[in-house]
Amino acid sequence: MTALNLAKALLDQEHEIFRVFFYGDGANTGNVLVSPMKDQLDVRSEWIKLSKQYNFELVICIAGALNRGVLGKTESDQNGKDSFNLDPNFLISGLGQLVEAGMASDRVITFK
């Protein structure tokens, strides 16, 4: 949630975000099966709303996704699974997307 709050604050100050790359446990952010309680913030929906409003990508690290059971259609087919649970507003990709984002940006901020 710290990353989401920082992103909102930066965008409010008219900074730009090129891409958000979710790795490790952050890969769970793209899982459509996560259903927060009504009194909890729906972090996935907040990221989606922000990315649509400010036009930036939401990318999930493929290693983090596979290790946590977050699969898109392609990954599901490749791994012989019968279903997938990746929110269609997120992309699954490799570290090349993170490197590209770093090259296209003046700063890269990471959270554990």
PDB file of N, CA and C in Angstrom:
ATOM      1  N   MET A   1       0.816  -1.180   0.000  1.00  0.00           N
ATOM      2  CA  MET A   1       0.000   0.000   0.000  1.00  0.00           C
ATOM      3  C   MET A   1       0.868   1.255   0.000  1.00  0.00           C
ATOM      4  N   THR A   2       2.070   1.168   0.533  1.00  0.00           N
ATOM      5  CA  THR A   2       2.977   2.303   0.526  1.00  0.00           C
ATOM      6  C   THR A   2       3.281   2.741  -0.902  1.00  0.00           C
ATOM      7  N   ALA A   3       3.508   1.785  -1.790  1.00  0.00           N
ATOM      8  CA  ALA A   3       3.796   2.115  -3.189  1.00  0.00           C
ATOM      9  C   ALA A   3       2.609   2.812  -3.834  1.00  0.00           C
ATOM     10  N   LEU A   4       1.414   2.337  -3.564  1.00  0.00           N
ATOM     11  CA  LEU A   4       0.204   2.949  -4.107  1.00  0.00           C
ATOM     12  C   LEU A   4       0.055   4.381  -3.611  1.00  0.00           C
ATOM     13  N   ASN A   5       0.257   4.590  -2.325  1.00  0.00           N
ATOM     14  CA  ASN A   5       0.150   5.940  -1.766  1.00  0.00           C
ATOM     15  C   ASN A   5       1.201   6.876  -2.350  1.00  0.00           C
ATOM     16  N   LEU A   6       2.422   6.377  -2.532  1.00  0.00           N
ATOM     17  CA  LEU A   6       3.466   7.203  -3.135  1.00  0.00           C
ATOM     18  C   LEU A   6       3.118   7.537  -4.581  1.00  0.00           C
ATOM     19  N   ALA A   7       2.629   6.557  -5.312  1.00  0.00           N
ATOM     20  CA  ALA A   7       2.248   6.796  -6.709  1.00  0.00           C
ATOM     21  C   ALA A   7       1.171   7.869  -6.788  1.00  0.00           C
ATOM     22  N   LYS A   8       0.175   7.793  -5.933  1.00  0.00           N
ATOM     23  CA  LYS A   8      -0.889   8.799  -5.925  1.00  0.00           C
ATOM     24  C   LYS A   8      -0.325  10.181  -5.615  1.00  0.00           C
ATOM     25  N   ALA A   9       0.554  10.255  -4.628  1.00  0.00           N
ATOM     26  CA  ALA A   9       1.135  11.545  -4.247  1.00  0.00           C
ATOM     27  C   ALA A   9       1.975  12.128  -5.383  1.00  0.00           C
ATOM     28  N   LEU A  10       2.763  11.286  -6.044  1.00  0.00           N
ATOM     29  CA  LEU A  10       3.594  11.764  -7.157  1.00  0.00           C
ATOM     30  C   LEU A  10       2.730  12.260  -8.315  1.00  0.00           C
ATOM     31  N   LEU A  11       1.699  11.519  -8.629  1.00  0.00           N
ATOM     32  CA  LEU A  11       0.818  11.914  -9.730  1.00  0.00           C
ATOM     33  C   LEU A  11       0.051  13.184  -9.386  1.00  0.00           C
ATOM     34  N   ASP A  12      -0.318  13.355  -8.125  1.00  0.00           N
ATOM     35  CA  ASP A  12      -0.976  14.593  -7.693  1.00  0.00           C
ATOM     36  C   ASP A  12      -0.062  15.805  -7.864  1.00  0.00           C
ATOM     37  N   GLN A  13       1.247  15.548  -7.783  1.00  0.00           N
ATOM     38  CA  GLN A  13       2.231  16.626  -7.956  1.00  0.00           C
ATOM     39  C   GLN A  13       2.687  16.749  -9.405  1.00  0.00           C
ATOM     40  N   GLU A  14       1.956  16.099 -10.320  1.00  0.00           N
ATOM     41  CA  GLU A  14       2.174  16.169 -11.761  1.00  0.00           C
ATOM     42  C   GLU A  14       3.446  15.480 -12.252  1.00  0.00           C
ATOM     43  N   HIS A  15       3.955  14.517 -11.471  1.00  0.00           N
ATOM     44  CA  HIS A  15       5.014  13.649 -11.956  1.00  0.00           C
ATOM     45  C   HIS A  15       4.368  12.605 -12.864  1.00  0.00           C
ATOM     46  N   GLU A  16       5.172  11.932 -13.664  1.00  0.00           N
ATOM     47  CA  GLU A  16       4.667  10.885 -14.545  1.00  0.00           C
ATOM     48  C   GLU A  16       5.179   9.526 -14.088  1.00  0.00           C
ATOM     49  N   ILE A  17       4.378   8.509 -14.307  1.00  0.00           N
ATOM     50  CA  ILE A  17       4.794   7.125 -14.062  1.00  0.00           C
ATOM     51  C   ILE A  17       4.756   6.413 -15.400  1.00  0.00           C
ATOM     52  N   PHE A  18       5.866   5.771 -15.754  1.00  0.00           N
ATOM     53  CA  PHE A  18       5.960   5.056 -17.027  1.00  0.00           C
ATOM     54  C   PHE A  18       5.369   3.654 -16.915  1.00  0.00           C
ATOM     55  N   ARG A  19       5.736   2.965 -15.849  1.00  0.00           N
ATOM     56  CA  ARG A  19       5.297   1.571 -15.667  1.00  0.00           C
ATOM     57  C   ARG A  19       5.465   1.213 -14.198  1.00  0.00           C
ATOM     58  N   VAL A  20       4.580   0.376 -13.689  1.00  0.00           N
ATOM     59  CA  VAL A  20       4.751  -0.194 -12.353  1.00  0.00           C
ATOM     60  C   VAL A  20       5.023  -1.677 -12.551  1.00  0.00           C
ATOM     61  N   PHE A  21       6.123  -2.148 -11.974  1.00  0.00           N
ATOM     62  CA  PHE A  21       6.562  -3.534 -12.115  1.00  0.00           C
ATOM     63  C   PHE A  21       6.426  -4.212 -10.760  1.00  0.00           C
ATOM     64  N   PHE A  22       5.528  -5.177 -10.670  1.00  0.00           N
ATOM     65  CA  PHE A  22       5.269  -5.895  -9.428  1.00  0.00           C
ATOM     66  C   PHE A  22       6.106  -7.171  -9.399  1.00  0.00           C
ATOM     67  N   TYR A  23       6.909  -7.343  -8.359  1.00  0.00           N
ATOM     68  CA  TYR A  23       7.709  -8.557  -8.241  1.00  0.00           C
ATOM     69  C   TYR A  23       7.546  -9.130  -6.838  1.00  0.00           C
ATOM     70  N   GLY A  24       8.048 -10.337  -6.635  1.00  0.00           N
ATOM     71  CA  GLY A  24       7.892 -10.995  -5.335  1.00  0.00           C
ATOM     72  C   GLY A  24       6.418 -11.103  -4.986  1.00  0.00           C
ATOM     73  N   ASP A  25       6.096 -10.841  -3.726  1.00  0.00           N
ATOM     74  CA  ASP A  25       4.704 -10.928  -3.285  1.00  0.00           C
ATOM     75  C   ASP A  25       3.808  -9.900  -3.974  1.00  0.00           C
ATOM     76  N   GLY A  26       4.402  -8.866  -4.557  1.00  0.00           N
ATOM     77  CA  GLY A  26       3.619  -7.886  -5.300  1.00  0.00           C
ATOM     78  C   GLY A  26       2.888  -8.497  -6.477  1.00  0.00           C
ATOM     79  N   ALA A  27       3.346  -9.665  -6.928  1.00  0.00           N
ATOM     80  CA  ALA A  27       2.687 -10.350  -8.041  1.00  0.00           C
ATOM     81  C   ALA A  27       1.237 -10.696  -7.706  1.00  0.00           C
ATOM     82  N   ASN A  28       0.937 -10.856  -6.440  1.00  0.00           N
ATOM     83  CA  ASN A  28      -0.443 -11.162  -6.031  1.00  0.00           C
ATOM     84  C   ASN A  28      -1.411 -10.021  -6.344  1.00  0.00           C
ATOM     85  N   THR A  29      -0.896  -8.851  -6.594  1.00  0.00           N
ATOM     86  CA  THR A  29      -1.747  -7.694  -6.889  1.00  0.00           C
ATOM     87  C   THR A  29      -2.620  -7.941  -8.111  1.00  0.00           C
ATOM     88  N   GLY A  30      -2.137  -8.716  -9.066  1.00  0.00           N
ATOM     89  CA  GLY A  30      -2.884  -8.971 -10.289  1.00  0.00           C
ATOM     90  C   GLY A  30      -3.824 -10.156 -10.234  1.00  0.00           C
ATOM     91  N   ASN A  31      -3.966 -10.777  -9.100  1.00  0.00           N
ATOM     92  CA  ASN A  31      -4.796 -11.970  -8.943  1.00  0.00           C
ATOM     93  C   ASN A  31      -6.266 -11.574  -8.761  1.00  0.00           C
ATOM     94  N   VAL A  32      -7.116 -11.906  -9.727  1.00  0.00           N
ATOM     95  CA  VAL A  32      -8.533 -11.541  -9.645  1.00  0.00           C
ATOM     96  C   VAL A  32      -9.279 -12.291  -8.544  1.00  0.00           C
ATOM     97  N   LEU A  33      -8.684 -13.343  -8.010  1.00  0.00           N
ATOM     98  CA  LEU A  33      -9.348 -14.117  -6.966  1.00  0.00           C
ATOM     99  C   LEU A  33      -9.188 -13.504  -5.578  1.00  0.00           C
ATOM    100  N   VAL A  34      -8.289 -12.537  -5.443  1.00  0.00           N
ATOM    101  CA  VAL A  34      -8.143 -11.856  -4.162  1.00  0.00           C
ATOM    102  C   VAL A  34      -9.368 -10.968  -3.970  1.00  0.00           C
ATOM    103  N   SER A  35     -10.065 -11.180  -2.872  1.00  0.00           N
ATOM    104  CA  SER A  35     -11.314 -10.458  -2.608  1.00  0.00           C
ATOM    105  C   SER A  35     -11.261  -9.827  -1.229  1.00  0.00           C
ATOM    106  N   PRO A  36     -10.802  -8.578  -1.144  1.00  0.00           N
ATOM    107  CA  PRO A  36     -10.712  -7.926   0.165  1.00  0.00           C
ATOM    108  C   PRO A  36     -12.093  -7.746   0.803  1.00  0.00           C
ATOM    109  N   MET A  37     -12.101  -7.703   2.097  1.00  0.00           N
ATOM    110  CA  MET A  37     -13.339  -7.455   2.835  1.00  0.00           C
ATOM    111  C   MET A  37     -13.842  -6.051   2.490  1.00  0.00           C
ATOM    112  N   LYS A  38     -15.121  -5.817   2.677  1.00  0.00           N
ATOM    113  CA  LYS A  38     -15.730  -4.536   2.299  1.00  0.00           C
ATOM    114  C   LYS A  38     -15.108  -3.346   3.015  1.00  0.00           C
ATOM    115  N   ASP A  39     -14.554  -3.548   4.203  1.00  0.00           N
ATOM    116  CA  ASP A  39     -13.952  -2.438   4.943  1.00  0.00           C
ATOM    117  C   ASP A  39     -12.448  -2.299   4.663  1.00  0.00           C
ATOM    118  N   GLN A  40     -11.928  -3.077   3.715  1.00  0.00           N
ATOM    119  CA  GLN A  40     -10.511  -3.007   3.345  1.00  0.00           C
ATOM    120  C   GLN A  40     -10.363  -2.386   1.958  1.00  0.00           C
ATOM    121  N   LEU A  41      -9.243  -1.752   1.744  1.00  0.00           N
ATOM    122  CA  LEU A  41      -8.949  -1.154   0.451  1.00  0.00           C
ATOM    123  C   LEU A  41      -8.706  -2.246  -0.589  1.00  0.00           C
ATOM    124  N   ASP A  42      -9.317  -2.125  -1.740  1.00  0.00           N
ATOM    125  CA  ASP A  42      -9.089  -3.046  -2.850  1.00  0.00           C
ATOM    126  C   ASP A  42      -7.901  -2.513  -3.650  1.00  0.00           C
ATOM    127  N   VAL A  43      -6.717  -2.954  -3.282  1.00  0.00           N
ATOM    128  CA  VAL A  43      -5.478  -2.423  -3.853  1.00  0.00           C
ATOM    129  C   VAL A  43      -5.420  -2.642  -5.368  1.00  0.00           C
ATOM    130  N   ARG A  44      -5.834  -3.807  -5.830  1.00  0.00           N
ATOM    131  CA  ARG A  44      -5.813  -4.083  -7.270  1.00  0.00           C
ATOM    132  C   ARG A  44      -6.671  -3.064  -8.025  1.00  0.00           C
ATOM    133  N   SER A  45      -7.872  -2.829  -7.549  1.00  0.00           N
ATOM    134  CA  SER A  45      -8.763  -1.867  -8.211  1.00  0.00           C
ATOM    135  C   SER A  45      -8.193  -0.455  -8.185  1.00  0.00           C
ATOM    136  N   GLU A  46      -7.536  -0.102  -7.096  1.00  0.00           N
ATOM    137  CA  GLU A  46      -6.922   1.229  -6.999  1.00  0.00           C
ATOM    138  C   GLU A  46      -5.795   1.395  -8.013  1.00  0.00           C
ATOM    139  N   TRP A  47      -4.965   0.350  -8.171  1.00  0.00           N
ATOM    140  CA  TRP A  47      -3.895   0.411  -9.177  1.00  0.00           C
ATOM    141  C   TRP A  47      -4.477   0.525 -10.579  1.00  0.00           C
ATOM    142  N   ILE A  48      -5.525  -0.226 -10.845  1.00  0.00           N
ATOM    143  CA  ILE A  48      -6.146  -0.199 -12.172  1.00  0.00           C
ATOM    144  C   ILE A  48      -6.709   1.186 -12.460  1.00  0.00           C
ATOM    145  N   LYS A  49      -7.425   1.727 -11.503  1.00  0.00           N
ATOM    146  CA  LYS A  49      -8.009   3.055 -11.677  1.00  0.00           C
ATOM    147  C   LYS A  49      -6.919   4.093 -11.952  1.00  0.00           C
ATOM    148  N   LEU A  50      -5.837   4.037 -11.199  1.00  0.00           N
ATOM    149  CA  LEU A  50      -4.732   4.977 -11.359  1.00  0.00           C
ATOM    150  C   LEU A  50      -4.048   4.814 -12.716  1.00  0.00           C
ATOM    151  N   SER A  51      -3.828   3.552 -13.120  1.00  0.00           N
ATOM    152  CA  SER A  51      -3.134   3.316 -14.395  1.00  0.00           C
ATOM    153  C   SER A  51      -3.967   3.774 -15.581  1.00  0.00           C
ATOM    154  N   LYS A  52      -5.271   3.634 -15.478  1.00  0.00           N
ATOM    155  CA  LYS A  52      -6.145   4.099 -16.565  1.00  0.00           C
ATOM    156  C   LYS A  52      -6.220   5.625 -16.598  1.00  0.00           C
ATOM    157  N   GLN A  53      -6.291   6.225 -15.434  1.00  0.00           N
ATOM    158  CA  GLN A  53      -6.388   7.684 -15.366  1.00  0.00           C
ATOM    159  C   GLN A  53      -5.115   8.358 -15.874  1.00  0.00           C
ATOM    160  N   TYR A  54      -3.949   7.764 -15.556  1.00  0.00           N
ATOM    161  CA  TYR A  54      -2.672   8.388 -15.901  1.00  0.00           C
ATOM    162  C   TYR A  54      -1.909   7.648 -16.989  1.00  0.00           C
ATOM    163  N   ASN A  55      -2.524   6.627 -17.558  1.00  0.00           N
ATOM    164  CA  ASN A  55      -1.982   5.925 -18.720  1.00  0.00           C
ATOM    165  C   ASN A  55      -0.580   5.342 -18.506  1.00  0.00           C
ATOM    166  N   PHE A  56      -0.467   4.428 -17.552  1.00  0.00           N
ATOM    167  CA  PHE A  56       0.786   3.686 -17.382  1.00  0.00           C
ATOM    168  C   PHE A  56       0.471   2.200 -17.247  1.00  0.00           C
ATOM    169  N   GLU A  57       1.494   1.380 -17.500  1.00  0.00           N
ATOM    170  CA  GLU A  57       1.334  -0.080 -17.503  1.00  0.00           C
ATOM    171  C   GLU A  57       1.494  -0.677 -16.108  1.00  0.00           C
ATOM    172  N   LEU A  58       0.792  -1.770 -15.902  1.00  0.00           N
ATOM    173  CA  LEU A  58       0.916  -2.580 -14.703  1.00  0.00           C
ATOM    174  C   LEU A  58       1.484  -3.932 -15.137  1.00  0.00           C
ATOM    175  N   VAL A  59       2.731  -4.195 -14.788  1.00  0.00           N
ATOM    176  CA  VAL A  59       3.425  -5.396 -15.245  1.00  0.00           C
ATOM    177  C   VAL A  59       3.813  -6.243 -14.037  1.00  0.00           C
ATOM    178  N   ILE A  60       3.549  -7.534 -14.143  1.00  0.00           N
ATOM    179  CA  ILE A  60       3.894  -8.476 -13.079  1.00  0.00           C
ATOM    180  C   ILE A  60       5.037  -9.356 -13.547  1.00  0.00           C
ATOM    181  N   CYS A  61       6.041  -9.489 -12.700  1.00  0.00           N
ATOM    182  CA  CYS A  61       7.202 -10.340 -12.989  1.00  0.00           C
ATOM    183  C   CYS A  61       6.739 -11.785 -13.163  1.00  0.00           C
ATOM    184  N   ILE A  62       7.167 -12.390 -14.250  1.00  0.00           N
ATOM    185  CA  ILE A  62       6.715 -13.754 -14.549  1.00  0.00           C
ATOM    186  C   ILE A  62       7.162 -14.751 -13.483  1.00  0.00           C
ATOM    187  N   ALA A  63       8.373 -14.607 -12.965  1.00  0.00           N
ATOM    188  CA  ALA A  63       8.834 -15.541 -11.933  1.00  0.00           C
ATOM    189  C   ALA A  63       7.992 -15.398 -10.665  1.00  0.00           C
ATOM    190  N   GLY A  64       7.738 -14.168 -10.255  1.00  0.00           N
ATOM    191  CA  GLY A  64       6.907 -13.936  -9.079  1.00  0.00           C
ATOM    192  C   GLY A  64       5.496 -14.446  -9.276  1.00  0.00           C
ATOM    193  N   ALA A  65       4.980 -14.240 -10.479  1.00  0.00           N
ATOM    194  CA  ALA A  65       3.614 -14.679 -10.786  1.00  0.00           C
ATOM    195  C   ALA A  65       3.506 -16.200 -10.746  1.00  0.00           C
ATOM    196  N   LEU A  66       4.388 -16.882 -11.453  1.00  0.00           N
ATOM    197  CA  LEU A  66       4.325 -18.346 -11.507  1.00  0.00           C
ATOM    198  C   LEU A  66       4.524 -18.969 -10.129  1.00  0.00           C
ATOM    199  N   ASN A  67       5.450 -18.418  -9.343  1.00  0.00           N
ATOM    200  CA  ASN A  67       5.709 -18.954  -8.008  1.00  0.00           C
ATOM    201  C   ASN A  67       4.541 -18.757  -7.053  1.00  0.00           C
ATOM    202  N   ARG A  68       3.643 -17.830  -7.386  1.00  0.00           N
ATOM    203  CA  ARG A  68       2.506 -17.533  -6.516  1.00  0.00           C
ATOM    204  C   ARG A  68       1.171 -17.946  -7.132  1.00  0.00           C
ATOM    205  N   GLY A  69       1.221 -18.653  -8.252  1.00  0.00           N
ATOM    206  CA  GLY A  69      -0.004 -19.141  -8.870  1.00  0.00           C
ATOM    207  C   GLY A  69      -0.832 -18.074  -9.547  1.00  0.00           C
ATOM    208  N   VAL A  70      -0.195 -16.998  -9.978  1.00  0.00           N
ATOM    209  CA  VAL A  70      -0.894 -15.952 -10.728  1.00  0.00           C
ATOM    210  C   VAL A  70      -0.597 -16.202 -12.199  1.00  0.00           C
ATOM    211  N   LEU A  71      -1.603 -16.646 -12.933  1.00  0.00           N
ATOM    212  CA  LEU A  71      -1.402 -17.071 -14.310  1.00  0.00           C
ATOM    213  C   LEU A  71      -2.336 -16.342 -15.257  1.00  0.00           C
ATOM    214  N   GLY A  72      -1.770 -15.888 -16.374  1.00  0.00           N
ATOM    215  CA  GLY A  72      -2.582 -15.417 -17.480  1.00  0.00           C
ATOM    216  C   GLY A  72      -2.923 -16.616 -18.352  1.00  0.00           C
ATOM    217  N   LYS A  73      -3.693 -16.408 -19.392  1.00  0.00           N
ATOM    218  CA  LYS A  73      -4.090 -17.496 -20.290  1.00  0.00           C
ATOM    219  C   LYS A  73      -2.867 -18.196 -20.873  1.00  0.00           C
ATOM    220  N   THR A  74      -1.899 -17.409 -21.344  1.00  0.00           N
ATOM    221  CA  THR A  74      -0.697 -17.983 -21.955  1.00  0.00           C
ATOM    222  C   THR A  74       0.061 -18.861 -20.970  1.00  0.00           C
ATOM    223  N   GLU A  75       0.288 -18.356 -19.764  1.00  0.00           N
ATOM    224  CA  GLU A  75       1.031 -19.111 -18.750  1.00  0.00           C
ATOM    225  C   GLU A  75       0.258 -20.350 -18.312  1.00  0.00           C
ATOM    226  N   SER A  76      -1.055 -20.236 -18.257  1.00  0.00           N
ATOM    227  CA  SER A  76      -1.895 -21.376 -17.905  1.00  0.00           C
ATOM    228  C   SER A  76      -1.750 -22.486 -18.943  1.00  0.00           C
ATOM    229  N   ASP A  77      -1.840 -22.108 -20.216  1.00  0.00           N
ATOM    230  CA  ASP A  77      -1.693 -23.085 -21.301  1.00  0.00           C
ATOM    231  C   ASP A  77      -0.299 -23.711 -21.298  1.00  0.00           C
ATOM    232  N   GLN A  78       0.730 -22.886 -21.130  1.00  0.00           N
ATOM    233  CA  GLN A  78       2.109 -23.381 -21.166  1.00  0.00           C
ATOM    234  C   GLN A  78       2.423 -24.326 -20.013  1.00  0.00           C
ATOM    235  N   ASN A  79       1.732 -24.168 -18.910  1.00  0.00           N
ATOM    236  CA  ASN A  79       2.000 -24.985 -17.731  1.00  0.00           C
ATOM    237  C   ASN A  79       0.951 -26.064 -17.495  1.00  0.00           C
ATOM    238  N   GLY A  80       0.099 -26.295 -18.491  1.00  0.00           N
ATOM    239  CA  GLY A  80      -0.881 -27.377 -18.403  1.00  0.00           C
ATOM    240  C   GLY A  80      -1.937 -27.174 -17.334  1.00  0.00           C
ATOM    241  N   LYS A  81      -2.281 -25.939 -17.055  1.00  0.00           N
ATOM    242  CA  LYS A  81      -3.314 -25.655 -16.058  1.00  0.00           C
ATOM    243  C   LYS A  81      -4.638 -25.441 -16.767  1.00  0.00           C
ATOM    244  N   ASP A  82      -5.728 -25.643 -16.057  1.00  0.00           N
ATOM    245  CA  ASP A  82      -7.042 -25.536 -16.694  1.00  0.00           C
ATOM    246  C   ASP A  82      -7.752 -24.208 -16.429  1.00  0.00           C
ATOM    247  N   SER A  83      -7.079 -23.273 -15.759  1.00  0.00           N
ATOM    248  CA  SER A  83      -7.681 -21.973 -15.511  1.00  0.00           C
ATOM    249  C   SER A  83      -6.595 -20.918 -15.354  1.00  0.00           C
ATOM    250  N   PHE A  84      -7.022 -19.668 -15.351  1.00  0.00           N
ATOM    251  CA  PHE A  84      -6.087 -18.569 -15.126  1.00  0.00           C
ATOM    252  C   PHE A  84      -6.777 -17.508 -14.284  1.00  0.00           C
ATOM    253  N   ASN A  85      -5.988 -16.687 -13.614  1.00  0.00           N
ATOM    254  CA  ASN A  85      -6.547 -15.733 -12.660  1.00  0.00           C
ATOM    255  C   ASN A  85      -5.912 -14.351 -12.737  1.00  0.00           C
ATOM    256  N   LEU A  86      -5.251 -14.036 -13.822  1.00  0.00           N
ATOM    257  CA  LEU A  86      -4.628 -12.722 -13.984  1.00  0.00           C
ATOM    258  C   LEU A  86      -5.674 -11.706 -14.413  1.00  0.00           C
ATOM    259  N   ASP A  87      -5.737 -10.608 -13.700  1.00  0.00           N
ATOM    260  CA  ASP A  87      -6.623  -9.521 -14.091  1.00  0.00           C
ATOM    261  C   ASP A  87      -6.180  -9.023 -15.470  1.00  0.00           C
ATOM    262  N   PRO A  88      -7.093  -8.831 -16.412  1.00  0.00           N
ATOM    263  CA  PRO A  88      -6.716  -8.434 -17.769  1.00  0.00           C
ATOM    264  C   PRO A  88      -6.090  -7.036 -17.859  1.00  0.00           C
ATOM    265  N   ASN A  89      -6.119  -6.280 -16.787  1.00  0.00           N
ATOM    266  CA  ASN A  89      -5.482  -4.964 -16.771  1.00  0.00           C
ATOM    267  C   ASN A  89      -3.984  -5.044 -16.470  1.00  0.00           C
ATOM    268  N   PHE A  90      -3.502  -6.241 -16.160  1.00  0.00           N
ATOM    269  CA  PHE A  90      -2.092  -6.470 -15.851  1.00  0.00           C
ATOM    270  C   PHE A  90      -1.459  -7.304 -16.956  1.00  0.00           C
ATOM    271  N   LEU A  91      -0.174  -7.107 -17.151  1.00  0.00           N
ATOM    272  CA  LEU A  91       0.611  -7.915 -18.083  1.00  0.00           C
ATOM    273  C   LEU A  91       1.596  -8.739 -17.279  1.00  0.00           C
ATOM    274  N   ILE A  92       1.908  -9.934 -17.755  1.00  0.00           N
ATOM    275  CA  ILE A  92       2.984 -10.724 -17.160  1.00  0.00           C
ATOM    276  C   ILE A  92       4.161 -10.648 -18.119  1.00  0.00           C
ATOM    277  N   SER A  93       5.320 -10.319 -17.578  1.00  0.00           N
ATOM    278  CA  SER A  93       6.508 -10.199 -18.410  1.00  0.00           C
ATOM    279  C   SER A  93       7.755 -10.422 -17.559  1.00  0.00           C
ATOM    280  N   GLY A  94       8.901 -10.339 -18.206  1.00  0.00           N
ATOM    281  CA  GLY A  94      10.165 -10.580 -17.523  1.00  0.00           C
ATOM    282  C   GLY A  94      10.862  -9.301 -17.099  1.00  0.00           C
ATOM    283  N   LEU A  95      12.067  -9.482 -16.607  1.00  0.00           N
ATOM    284  CA  LEU A  95      12.835  -8.357 -16.094  1.00  0.00           C
ATOM    285  C   LEU A  95      13.201  -7.332 -17.175  1.00  0.00           C
ATOM    286  N   GLY A  96      13.118  -7.733 -18.435  1.00  0.00           N
ATOM    287  CA  GLY A  96      13.383  -6.787 -19.514  1.00  0.00           C
ATOM    288  C   GLY A  96      12.459  -5.585 -19.440  1.00  0.00           C
ATOM    289  N   GLN A  97      11.218  -5.797 -19.006  1.00  0.00           N
ATOM    290  CA  GLN A  97      10.267  -4.688 -18.848  1.00  0.00           C
ATOM    291  C   GLN A  97      10.723  -3.726 -17.757  1.00  0.00           C
ATOM    292  N   LEU A  98      11.307  -4.273 -16.688  1.00  0.00           N
ATOM    293  CA  LEU A  98      11.828  -3.429 -15.612  1.00  0.00           C
ATOM    294  C   LEU A  98      13.028  -2.632 -16.104  1.00  0.00           C
ATOM    295  N   VAL A  99      13.927  -3.285 -16.825  1.00  0.00           N
ATOM    296  CA  VAL A  99      15.113  -2.609 -17.365  1.00  0.00           C
ATOM    297  C   VAL A  99      14.690  -1.500 -18.325  1.00  0.00           C
ATOM    298  N   GLU A 100      13.752  -1.814 -19.220  1.00  0.00           N
ATOM    299  CA  GLU A 100      13.269  -0.809 -20.170  1.00  0.00           C
ATOM    300  C   GLU A 100      12.664   0.393 -19.444  1.00  0.00           C
ATOM    301  N   ALA A 101      11.881   0.127 -18.408  1.00  0.00           N
ATOM    302  CA  ALA A 101      11.276   1.212 -17.638  1.00  0.00           C
ATOM    303  C   ALA A 101      12.353   2.074 -16.990  1.00  0.00           C
ATOM    304  N   GLY A 102      13.395   1.433 -16.486  1.00  0.00           N
ATOM    305  CA  GLY A 102      14.500   2.177 -15.880  1.00  0.00           C
ATOM    306  C   GLY A 102      15.215   3.065 -16.877  1.00  0.00           C
ATOM    307  N   MET A 103      15.358   2.578 -18.094  1.00  0.00           N
ATOM    308  CA  MET A 103      16.027   3.361 -19.139  1.00  0.00           C
ATOM    309  C   MET A 103      15.151   4.521 -19.613  1.00  0.00           C
ATOM    310  N   ALA A 104      13.847   4.373 -19.544  1.00  0.00           N
ATOM    311  CA  ALA A 104      12.927   5.401 -20.023  1.00  0.00           C
ATOM    312  C   ALA A 104      12.565   6.416 -18.935  1.00  0.00           C
ATOM    313  N   SER A 105      13.037   6.189 -17.737  1.00  0.00           N
ATOM    314  CA  SER A 105      12.649   7.038 -16.588  1.00  0.00           C
ATOM    315  C   SER A 105      13.869   7.695 -15.964  1.00  0.00           C
ATOM    316  N   ASP A 106      13.632   8.757 -15.247  1.00  0.00           N
ATOM    317  CA  ASP A 106      14.754   9.402 -14.561  1.00  0.00           C
ATOM    318  C   ASP A 106      14.970   8.843 -13.158  1.00  0.00           C
ATOM    319  N   ARG A 107      13.991   8.072 -12.654  1.00  0.00           N
ATOM    320  CA  ARG A 107      14.133   7.433 -11.348  1.00  0.00           C
ATOM    321  C   ARG A 107      13.416   6.085 -11.342  1.00  0.00           C
ATOM    322  N   VAL A 108      13.967   5.174 -10.555  1.00  0.00           N
ATOM    323  CA  VAL A 108      13.312   3.892 -10.287  1.00  0.00           C
ATOM    324  C   VAL A 108      13.213   3.775  -8.764  1.00  0.00           C
ATOM    325  N   ILE A 109      12.017   3.540  -8.282  1.00  0.00           N
ATOM    326  CA  ILE A 109      11.796   3.417  -6.838  1.00  0.00           C
ATOM    327  C   ILE A 109      11.342   1.986  -6.575  1.00  0.00           C
ATOM    328  N   THR A 110      11.954   1.341  -5.586  1.00  0.00           N
ATOM    329  CA  THR A 110      11.582  -0.034  -5.260  1.00  0.00           C
ATOM    330  C   THR A 110      11.098  -0.123  -3.816  1.00  0.00           C
ATOM    331  N   PHE A 111      10.247  -1.105  -3.571  1.00  0.00           N
ATOM    332  CA  PHE A 111       9.717  -1.396  -2.239  1.00  0.00           C
ATOM    333  C   PHE A 111       9.877  -2.876  -1.989  1.00  0.00           C
ATOM    334  N   LYS A 112      10.128  -3.250  -0.752  1.00  0.00           N
ATOM    335  CA  LYS A 112      10.197  -4.666  -0.386  1.00  0.00           C
ATOM    336  C   LYS A 112       8.857  -5.163   0.012  1.00  0.00           C
TER     337      LYS A 112
END
